[in-house]
Amino acid sequence: MTDVLPYAADGTPLDGVLLYDQDGRPLKVGFQEWWADGCARVLEQPRAADGVPVPNSYPQVYEPSGSGADGALVPAGTCDTDDARPEVPLPTFPPADPTEAPTD
């Protein structure tokens, strides 16, 4: 896994989401090594107010580096810059049972 694409329950894409595992550790994903267009990318981590990178902020942002996966320079405009998210189906939840009391 090289990225996490968070969505709200209503299907709205979320940005800048900080994710942690079950033990409270920042979630880490792998680095994407190659891209279908053959262009290398640089991971641009968001930065906290003090300038420190925030590696558990999702989705990750990869910018074209100007070179191909083989290290050779690529002409401007060659790399795919479309980072559209995939369409995801909205979750369906069963209707609430009005006879059950809410639990806290």
N, C-alpha and C. Protein backbone atom coordinates (compact mmCIF):
# COMPACT_ATOMS: atom_id res chain seq x y z
N MET A 1 0.86 -1.17 0.00
CA MET A 1 0.00 0.00 0.00
C MET A 1 0.91 1.23 0.00
N THR A 2 0.56 2.19 -0.88
CA THR A 2 1.38 3.40 -0.97
C THR A 2 0.61 4.67 -0.68
N ASP A 3 -0.69 4.58 -0.43
CA ASP A 3 -1.47 5.77 -0.11
C ASP A 3 -2.80 5.36 0.50
N VAL A 4 -3.45 6.32 1.14
CA VAL A 4 -4.79 6.14 1.69
C VAL A 4 -5.61 7.32 1.19
N LEU A 5 -6.78 7.03 0.62
CA LEU A 5 -7.65 8.08 0.11
C LEU A 5 -8.88 8.16 1.00
N PRO A 6 -8.87 9.05 1.99
CA PRO A 6 -10.00 9.12 2.93
C PRO A 6 -11.20 9.84 2.34
N TYR A 7 -12.39 9.32 2.71
CA TYR A 7 -13.67 9.89 2.30
C TYR A 7 -14.56 10.02 3.54
N ALA A 8 -15.43 11.01 3.55
CA ALA A 8 -16.46 11.12 4.58
C ALA A 8 -17.56 10.11 4.26
N ALA A 9 -18.44 9.85 5.22
CA ALA A 9 -19.53 8.89 5.02
C ALA A 9 -20.45 9.29 3.87
N ASP A 10 -20.50 10.59 3.55
CA ASP A 10 -21.37 11.02 2.45
C ASP A 10 -20.66 11.00 1.10
N GLY A 11 -19.42 10.48 1.07
CA GLY A 11 -18.68 10.36 -0.18
C GLY A 11 -17.78 11.54 -0.51
N THR A 12 -17.74 12.55 0.35
CA THR A 12 -16.89 13.71 0.13
C THR A 12 -15.42 13.34 0.35
N PRO A 13 -14.54 13.60 -0.63
CA PRO A 13 -13.11 13.34 -0.42
C PRO A 13 -12.55 14.23 0.68
N LEU A 14 -11.71 13.67 1.53
CA LEU A 14 -11.09 14.41 2.62
C LEU A 14 -9.61 14.57 2.35
N ASP A 15 -9.04 15.71 2.71
CA ASP A 15 -7.61 15.97 2.57
C ASP A 15 -7.03 16.34 3.92
N GLY A 16 -5.75 16.05 4.10
CA GLY A 16 -5.07 16.43 5.33
C GLY A 16 -5.53 15.64 6.54
N VAL A 17 -5.98 14.41 6.33
CA VAL A 17 -6.44 13.57 7.42
C VAL A 17 -5.23 12.91 8.08
N LEU A 18 -5.14 13.02 9.39
CA LEU A 18 -4.07 12.36 10.14
C LEU A 18 -4.57 11.01 10.60
N LEU A 19 -3.86 9.95 10.23
CA LEU A 19 -4.30 8.60 10.55
C LEU A 19 -3.31 7.91 11.49
N TYR A 20 -3.87 7.14 12.43
CA TYR A 20 -3.09 6.42 13.43
C TYR A 20 -3.58 4.98 13.49
N ASP A 21 -2.68 4.07 13.90
CA ASP A 21 -3.09 2.68 14.02
C ASP A 21 -3.75 2.45 15.38
N GLN A 22 -4.10 1.19 15.65
CA GLN A 22 -4.81 0.85 16.87
C GLN A 22 -4.01 1.12 18.14
N ASP A 23 -2.70 1.32 18.02
CA ASP A 23 -1.85 1.59 19.18
C ASP A 23 -1.46 3.06 19.29
N GLY A 24 -2.08 3.91 18.46
CA GLY A 24 -1.80 5.34 18.51
C GLY A 24 -0.54 5.76 17.77
N ARG A 25 0.01 4.85 16.97
CA ARG A 25 1.21 5.20 16.17
C ARG A 25 0.76 5.77 14.83
N PRO A 26 1.49 6.79 14.31
CA PRO A 26 1.15 7.33 12.99
C PRO A 26 1.17 6.23 11.94
N LEU A 27 0.13 6.20 11.09
CA LEU A 27 0.05 5.22 10.02
C LEU A 27 1.13 5.50 8.99
N LYS A 28 1.84 4.48 8.57
CA LYS A 28 2.88 4.62 7.55
C LYS A 28 2.53 3.74 6.37
N VAL A 29 2.76 4.26 5.17
CA VAL A 29 2.56 3.48 3.95
C VAL A 29 3.88 3.47 3.19
N GLY A 30 3.98 2.62 2.19
CA GLY A 30 5.19 2.54 1.39
C GLY A 30 5.29 3.71 0.41
N PHE A 31 6.45 3.88 -0.17
CA PHE A 31 6.69 4.90 -1.18
C PHE A 31 6.38 4.31 -2.54
N GLN A 32 5.66 5.04 -3.38
CA GLN A 32 5.34 4.53 -4.71
C GLN A 32 6.58 4.63 -5.59
N GLU A 33 7.10 3.49 -6.01
CA GLU A 33 8.37 3.41 -6.73
C GLU A 33 8.26 3.74 -8.21
N TRP A 34 7.13 3.41 -8.84
CA TRP A 34 7.00 3.63 -10.28
C TRP A 34 5.60 4.11 -10.59
N TRP A 35 5.47 4.72 -11.77
CA TRP A 35 4.20 5.28 -12.20
C TRP A 35 3.94 4.82 -13.62
N ALA A 36 2.67 4.68 -13.98
CA ALA A 36 2.30 4.17 -15.30
C ALA A 36 2.83 5.04 -16.44
N ASP A 37 3.00 6.35 -16.20
CA ASP A 37 3.50 7.22 -17.27
C ASP A 37 5.02 7.19 -17.40
N GLY A 38 5.71 6.43 -16.54
CA GLY A 38 7.16 6.32 -16.61
C GLY A 38 7.91 7.47 -15.99
N CYS A 39 7.21 8.43 -15.37
CA CYS A 39 7.83 9.58 -14.74
C CYS A 39 8.08 9.32 -13.26
N ALA A 40 9.22 9.73 -12.77
CA ALA A 40 9.52 9.63 -11.35
C ALA A 40 8.78 10.73 -10.60
N ARG A 41 8.48 10.51 -9.35
CA ARG A 41 7.78 11.49 -8.52
C ARG A 41 8.57 11.72 -7.23
N VAL A 42 8.32 12.87 -6.62
CA VAL A 42 8.88 13.22 -5.32
C VAL A 42 7.71 13.35 -4.35
N LEU A 43 7.83 12.71 -3.21
CA LEU A 43 6.79 12.79 -2.20
C LEU A 43 6.91 14.14 -1.50
N GLU A 44 5.84 14.94 -1.57
CA GLU A 44 5.81 16.26 -0.93
C GLU A 44 4.94 16.16 0.32
N GLN A 45 5.58 15.98 1.46
CA GLN A 45 4.83 15.87 2.71
C GLN A 45 4.33 17.24 3.15
N PRO A 46 3.09 17.31 3.66
CA PRO A 46 2.65 18.56 4.27
C PRO A 46 3.53 18.84 5.48
N ARG A 47 3.62 20.08 5.85
CA ARG A 47 4.47 20.46 6.98
C ARG A 47 3.63 21.06 8.10
N ALA A 48 4.03 20.76 9.32
CA ALA A 48 3.39 21.34 10.50
C ALA A 48 3.82 22.80 10.62
N ALA A 49 3.23 23.52 11.55
CA ALA A 49 3.54 24.94 11.75
C ALA A 49 5.03 25.16 12.02
N ASP A 50 5.70 24.18 12.63
CA ASP A 50 7.13 24.33 12.92
C ASP A 50 8.02 23.87 11.77
N GLY A 51 7.42 23.51 10.63
CA GLY A 51 8.19 23.12 9.45
C GLY A 51 8.54 21.65 9.35
N VAL A 52 8.17 20.87 10.35
CA VAL A 52 8.47 19.43 10.36
C VAL A 52 7.47 18.70 9.46
N PRO A 53 7.94 17.78 8.59
CA PRO A 53 7.01 17.02 7.75
C PRO A 53 6.03 16.20 8.58
N VAL A 54 4.81 16.05 8.07
CA VAL A 54 3.77 15.25 8.72
C VAL A 54 3.51 14.04 7.83
N PRO A 55 4.26 12.94 8.05
CA PRO A 55 4.17 11.79 7.15
C PRO A 55 2.87 11.01 7.23
N ASN A 56 2.06 11.20 8.28
CA ASN A 56 0.81 10.45 8.38
C ASN A 56 -0.39 11.29 7.95
N SER A 57 -0.16 12.30 7.10
CA SER A 57 -1.23 13.10 6.53
C SER A 57 -1.61 12.49 5.18
N TYR A 58 -2.92 12.24 5.01
CA TYR A 58 -3.39 11.58 3.80
C TYR A 58 -4.48 12.37 3.13
N PRO A 59 -4.60 12.28 1.79
CA PRO A 59 -3.77 11.46 0.91
C PRO A 59 -2.37 12.05 0.75
N GLN A 60 -1.44 11.19 0.34
CA GLN A 60 -0.07 11.61 0.08
C GLN A 60 -0.04 12.45 -1.20
N VAL A 61 0.94 13.32 -1.33
CA VAL A 61 1.05 14.16 -2.51
C VAL A 61 2.39 13.86 -3.19
N TYR A 62 2.29 13.38 -4.43
CA TYR A 62 3.48 13.08 -5.24
C TYR A 62 3.54 14.07 -6.39
N GLU A 63 4.67 14.75 -6.56
CA GLU A 63 4.85 15.70 -7.65
C GLU A 63 5.86 15.14 -8.65
N PRO A 64 5.62 15.35 -9.96
CA PRO A 64 6.61 14.90 -10.95
C PRO A 64 7.97 15.53 -10.68
N SER A 65 9.02 14.74 -10.81
CA SER A 65 10.37 15.22 -10.50
C SER A 65 11.08 15.82 -11.71
N GLY A 66 10.53 15.61 -12.91
CA GLY A 66 11.20 16.11 -14.11
C GLY A 66 12.07 15.07 -14.77
N SER A 67 12.12 13.88 -14.17
CA SER A 67 12.89 12.80 -14.78
C SER A 67 12.02 11.56 -14.90
N GLY A 68 12.46 10.65 -15.75
CA GLY A 68 11.76 9.39 -15.92
C GLY A 68 12.19 8.41 -14.85
N ALA A 69 11.54 7.28 -14.82
CA ALA A 69 11.88 6.24 -13.85
C ALA A 69 13.31 5.76 -14.02
N ASP A 70 13.86 5.94 -15.25
CA ASP A 70 15.24 5.53 -15.51
C ASP A 70 16.25 6.63 -15.19
N GLY A 71 15.77 7.80 -14.71
CA GLY A 71 16.65 8.90 -14.35
C GLY A 71 16.87 9.92 -15.45
N ALA A 72 16.47 9.60 -16.68
CA ALA A 72 16.65 10.53 -17.80
C ALA A 72 15.63 11.66 -17.71
N LEU A 73 16.00 12.85 -18.16
CA LEU A 73 15.08 13.98 -18.16
C LEU A 73 13.91 13.71 -19.11
N VAL A 74 12.74 14.18 -18.74
CA VAL A 74 11.56 14.03 -19.59
C VAL A 74 11.08 15.42 -20.00
N PRO A 75 10.56 15.55 -21.21
CA PRO A 75 10.07 16.86 -21.65
C PRO A 75 8.92 17.35 -20.77
N ALA A 76 8.86 18.67 -20.58
CA ALA A 76 7.77 19.26 -19.79
C ALA A 76 6.43 18.84 -20.39
N GLY A 77 5.47 18.57 -19.53
CA GLY A 77 4.14 18.18 -19.97
C GLY A 77 3.99 16.70 -20.28
N THR A 78 5.08 15.94 -20.16
CA THR A 78 5.04 14.51 -20.45
C THR A 78 4.39 13.71 -19.33
N CYS A 79 4.61 14.13 -18.10
CA CYS A 79 4.11 13.37 -16.95
C CYS A 79 2.63 13.64 -16.72
N ASP A 80 1.93 12.59 -16.36
CA ASP A 80 0.50 12.68 -16.07
C ASP A 80 0.32 13.45 -14.77
N THR A 81 -0.47 14.52 -14.80
CA THR A 81 -0.72 15.30 -13.59
C THR A 81 -2.13 15.12 -13.08
N ASP A 82 -2.91 14.23 -13.70
CA ASP A 82 -4.27 13.97 -13.25
C ASP A 82 -4.22 13.03 -12.05
N ASP A 83 -4.57 13.55 -10.89
CA ASP A 83 -4.58 12.73 -9.69
C ASP A 83 -6.00 12.55 -9.16
N ALA A 84 -6.93 12.39 -10.12
CA ALA A 84 -8.33 12.23 -9.74
C ALA A 84 -8.51 10.98 -8.89
N ARG A 85 -9.34 11.12 -7.90
CA ARG A 85 -9.63 9.97 -7.03
C ARG A 85 -10.63 9.06 -7.71
N PRO A 86 -10.58 7.78 -7.38
CA PRO A 86 -11.56 6.87 -7.95
C PRO A 86 -12.95 7.13 -7.37
N GLU A 87 -13.96 6.83 -8.16
CA GLU A 87 -15.34 6.91 -7.66
C GLU A 87 -15.52 5.76 -6.66
N VAL A 88 -16.13 6.07 -5.55
CA VAL A 88 -16.38 5.04 -4.55
C VAL A 88 -17.87 5.01 -4.23
N PRO A 89 -18.41 3.83 -4.01
CA PRO A 89 -19.84 3.76 -3.67
C PRO A 89 -20.07 4.26 -2.25
N LEU A 90 -21.19 4.92 -2.04
CA LEU A 90 -21.54 5.36 -0.70
C LEU A 90 -21.92 4.15 0.13
N PRO A 91 -21.53 4.15 1.40
CA PRO A 91 -21.93 3.03 2.26
C PRO A 91 -23.44 3.08 2.51
N THR A 92 -24.00 1.92 2.73
CA THR A 92 -25.42 1.86 3.10
C THR A 92 -25.51 1.33 4.52
N PHE A 93 -26.34 1.97 5.30
CA PHE A 93 -26.51 1.59 6.69
C PHE A 93 -27.96 1.16 6.88
N PRO A 94 -28.19 0.14 7.71
CA PRO A 94 -29.57 -0.26 7.96
C PRO A 94 -30.29 0.86 8.71
N PRO A 95 -31.59 1.00 8.50
CA PRO A 95 -32.32 2.03 9.22
C PRO A 95 -32.27 1.76 10.72
N ALA A 96 -32.26 2.84 11.48
CA ALA A 96 -32.22 2.71 12.93
C ALA A 96 -33.54 2.10 13.42
N ASP A 97 -33.44 1.26 14.41
CA ASP A 97 -34.64 0.65 15.01
C ASP A 97 -35.17 1.60 16.08
N PRO A 98 -36.32 2.21 15.86
CA PRO A 98 -36.83 3.20 16.82
C PRO A 98 -37.18 2.61 18.18
N THR A 99 -37.25 1.28 18.28
CA THR A 99 -37.60 0.67 19.57
C THR A 99 -36.39 0.47 20.46
N GLU A 100 -35.18 0.60 19.88
CA GLU A 100 -33.97 0.42 20.68
C GLU A 100 -33.54 1.75 21.27
N ALA A 101 -33.20 1.73 22.55
CA ALA A 101 -32.71 2.95 23.20
C ALA A 101 -31.25 3.17 22.82
N PRO A 102 -30.85 4.42 22.64
CA PRO A 102 -29.44 4.69 22.31
C PRO A 102 -28.55 4.28 23.47
N THR A 103 -27.34 3.81 23.14
CA THR A 103 -26.38 3.43 24.16
C THR A 103 -25.22 4.41 24.14
N ASP A 104 -24.73 4.74 25.29
CA ASP A 104 -23.59 5.66 25.38
C ASP A 104 -22.38 4.98 25.95
